Protein backbone atom coordinates (compact mmCIF):
# COMPACT_ATOMS: atom_id res chain seq x y z
CA MET A 1 132.57 28.52 236.87
CA ILE A 2 134.63 27.97 233.31
CA CYS A 3 135.58 30.40 231.24
CA ALA A 4 134.36 28.93 228.15
CA TYR A 5 135.16 30.82 224.39
CA ILE A 6 132.12 30.69 221.46
CA GLY A 7 132.79 31.44 217.68
CA LEU A 8 128.95 32.39 216.31
CA GLY A 9 129.40 32.39 212.76
CA ALA A 10 126.26 33.49 209.73
CA ASN A 11 125.55 34.26 206.15
CA LEU A 12 122.25 34.21 205.77
CA ASN A 13 118.65 35.37 206.88
CA ALA A 14 120.19 38.52 207.57
CA PRO A 15 123.57 37.04 209.13
CA LEU A 16 124.02 40.41 211.25
CA GLN A 17 120.69 40.95 213.04
CA GLN A 18 121.49 36.31 213.38
CA LEU A 19 124.36 37.18 215.98
CA ALA A 20 122.49 39.51 217.48
CA ALA A 21 119.79 37.22 218.46
CA ALA A 22 122.10 34.32 219.33
CA VAL A 23 123.80 36.88 221.11
CA ALA A 24 120.78 37.33 223.22
CA ALA A 25 119.85 33.47 223.51
CA LEU A 26 123.73 32.26 225.68
CA ALA A 27 122.91 34.48 227.64
CA GLU A 28 119.57 32.77 228.68
CA ILE A 29 121.95 29.46 228.86
CA PRO A 30 120.99 28.24 232.66
CA ASN A 31 123.95 28.25 234.81
CA THR A 32 125.81 30.50 231.94
CA THR A 33 126.11 34.12 231.69
CA VAL A 34 127.74 35.99 228.87
CA HIS A 35 131.03 38.12 230.43
CA ARG A 36 132.27 40.82 226.92
CA VAL A 37 131.04 39.54 223.18
CA SER A 38 134.24 40.35 220.31
CA GLY A 39 132.71 42.90 217.64
CA PHE A 40 130.99 41.71 214.74
CA TYR A 41 133.05 40.58 211.71
CA GLY A 42 133.16 40.38 207.48
CA SER A 43 134.80 37.59 206.58
CA LYS A 44 135.39 35.45 203.30
CA PRO A 45 133.85 32.11 202.60
CA MET A 46 135.53 29.22 203.74
CA GLY A 47 135.01 26.42 200.67
CA PRO A 48 132.96 27.67 198.15
CA GLN A 49 133.43 30.42 197.50
CA ASP A 50 129.09 30.49 195.85
CA GLN A 51 128.13 31.39 199.08
CA PRO A 52 127.00 34.95 200.51
CA ASP A 53 130.04 36.39 203.25
CA TYR A 54 130.32 35.81 206.16
CA VAL A 55 129.70 37.51 209.79
CA ASN A 56 131.90 36.10 212.44
CA ALA A 57 132.67 37.47 216.35
CA VAL A 58 133.57 35.39 220.13
CA ALA A 59 132.27 35.39 223.04
CA ALA A 60 133.63 34.26 226.82
CA LEU A 61 130.79 32.56 228.95
CA HIS A 62 131.25 31.70 232.18
CA THR A 63 129.49 28.04 232.39
CA LYS A 64 128.56 25.96 235.55
CA LEU A 65 127.90 23.22 233.05
CA SER A 66 130.05 20.42 231.32
CA ALA A 67 131.54 20.79 228.13
CA GLU A 68 128.76 18.57 225.97
CA GLN A 69 125.64 20.58 228.02
CA LEU A 70 126.92 23.14 227.16
CA LEU A 71 127.62 21.88 222.97
CA ASP A 72 123.39 20.44 223.37
CA GLN A 73 122.31 24.02 224.25
CA LEU A 74 124.48 25.68 221.70
CA GLN A 75 122.89 23.09 219.24
CA GLN A 76 119.61 23.85 220.09
CA ILE A 77 120.14 27.41 219.29
CA GLU A 78 121.29 26.51 216.37
CA LEU A 79 117.78 24.33 215.90
CA SER A 80 115.80 27.31 216.62
CA HIS A 81 117.55 29.89 214.30
CA GLY A 82 117.22 27.15 211.72
CA ARG A 83 120.26 26.23 210.90
CA VAL A 84 120.05 22.67 208.80
CA ARG A 85 123.42 20.38 209.09
CA LYS A 86 124.21 18.72 205.84
CA ALA A 87 126.44 17.25 204.63
CA GLU A 88 128.48 20.05 203.00
CA ARG A 89 130.89 21.02 204.96
CA TRP A 90 131.23 24.90 205.14
CA GLY A 91 128.33 25.74 203.81
CA PRO A 92 126.23 28.08 204.14
CA ARG A 93 124.38 28.88 207.40
CA THR A 94 121.60 30.66 209.48
CA LEU A 95 123.81 30.02 212.58
CA ASP A 96 126.85 28.26 213.62
CA LEU A 97 127.88 28.50 217.12
CA ASP A 98 131.79 26.30 218.36
CA ILE A 99 132.73 25.97 220.91
CA LEU A 100 136.48 27.62 221.10
CA LEU A 101 137.91 26.93 224.26
CA PHE A 102 135.91 25.47 227.59
CA GLY A 103 138.66 27.03 230.39
CA ASP A 104 142.92 25.04 229.78
CA MET A 105 141.33 21.47 229.02
CA LEU A 106 141.65 19.69 226.72
CA ILE A 107 138.66 17.91 225.04
CA GLU A 108 138.51 14.36 222.14
CA THR A 109 134.92 12.70 221.90
CA PRO A 110 132.92 12.01 218.62
CA ARG A 111 130.72 14.66 219.45
CA LEU A 112 133.87 17.53 220.85
CA THR A 113 137.16 18.09 220.21
CA VAL A 114 138.52 21.34 221.86
CA PRO A 115 140.76 23.41 221.64
CA HIS A 116 138.68 23.20 218.67
CA TYR A 117 139.75 21.77 215.65
CA GLY A 118 140.50 25.00 212.88
CA MET A 119 140.37 27.63 215.68
CA ALA A 120 144.11 27.67 215.30
CA VAL A 121 144.66 29.81 211.19
CA ARG A 122 141.43 31.34 211.37
CA GLU A 123 141.47 34.29 210.68
CA PHE A 124 137.13 35.29 211.69
CA VAL A 125 138.39 32.88 215.10
CA LEU A 126 141.44 34.04 216.47
CA TYR A 127 141.04 38.31 215.29
CA PRO A 128 138.10 38.59 217.55
CA LEU A 129 139.01 36.67 220.28
CA ALA A 130 141.58 38.94 220.87
CA GLU A 131 139.53 41.84 221.01
CA ILE A 132 138.08 40.27 223.90
CA ALA A 133 141.29 37.89 225.64
CA PRO A 134 144.81 39.66 223.77
CA ASP A 135 147.02 37.58 226.32
CA LEU A 136 145.29 34.18 226.82
CA GLN A 137 146.38 31.02 225.91
CA ILE A 138 145.84 28.87 224.21
CA PRO A 139 145.95 24.92 225.32
CA LYS A 140 148.43 22.53 223.11
CA LEU A 141 148.87 25.54 221.13
CA GLY A 142 150.63 27.96 222.25
CA SER A 143 149.77 32.47 223.17
CA LEU A 144 147.48 33.62 220.86
CA ALA A 145 149.74 36.02 220.35
CA ALA A 146 152.12 33.91 218.76
CA LEU A 147 149.10 32.79 216.04
CA LEU A 148 147.97 36.09 215.36
CA ALA A 149 151.08 36.70 213.95
CA GLN A 150 151.25 33.52 211.70
CA VAL A 151 148.12 34.23 210.61
CA PRO A 152 147.34 37.40 208.34
CA ILE A 153 144.22 39.38 208.22
CA ASN A 154 142.30 38.13 204.82
CA GLY A 155 140.19 40.80 204.17
CA LEU A 156 138.69 40.43 207.76
CA SER A 157 136.53 43.73 208.67
CA LEU A 158 134.67 45.04 211.18
CA LEU A 159 131.48 45.71 210.43
CA GLN A 160 130.10 46.22 214.07
CA SER A 161 131.74 47.49 217.05
CA PRO A 162 130.75 45.34 220.72
């Protein structure tokens, strides 16, 4: 079993409910169990500011799937929740599921980069991740604690405890 950390985000169609439903859907992935889930956090959008605030969380999964197989499952969940992939980056969405970490693997394929390319500077990833794995060492990036010391909380607020 590999421990994979998944970033969850939504800002359309009742985002708190979208994330709760996404966590339930993660539990249905074959050969995978949900180990821990952070609280749900409110955050300002990246990119265009003329969109609703986001709700974000991080889940730790234990899986026997490969990273690409897990990515396929996550994209299916996104689609089932009404996700439409558009050319606009960082635009509004019903659900976004990202593989942040996959064990201690470094992955660089056309479909997947692990560790997730932006996680080291995103408060809405680091703070929820620290809630469920405070002592985490991140490949190529170092300790989660050191990353947190460099990234301000930037208005991030806990909306719902785990």
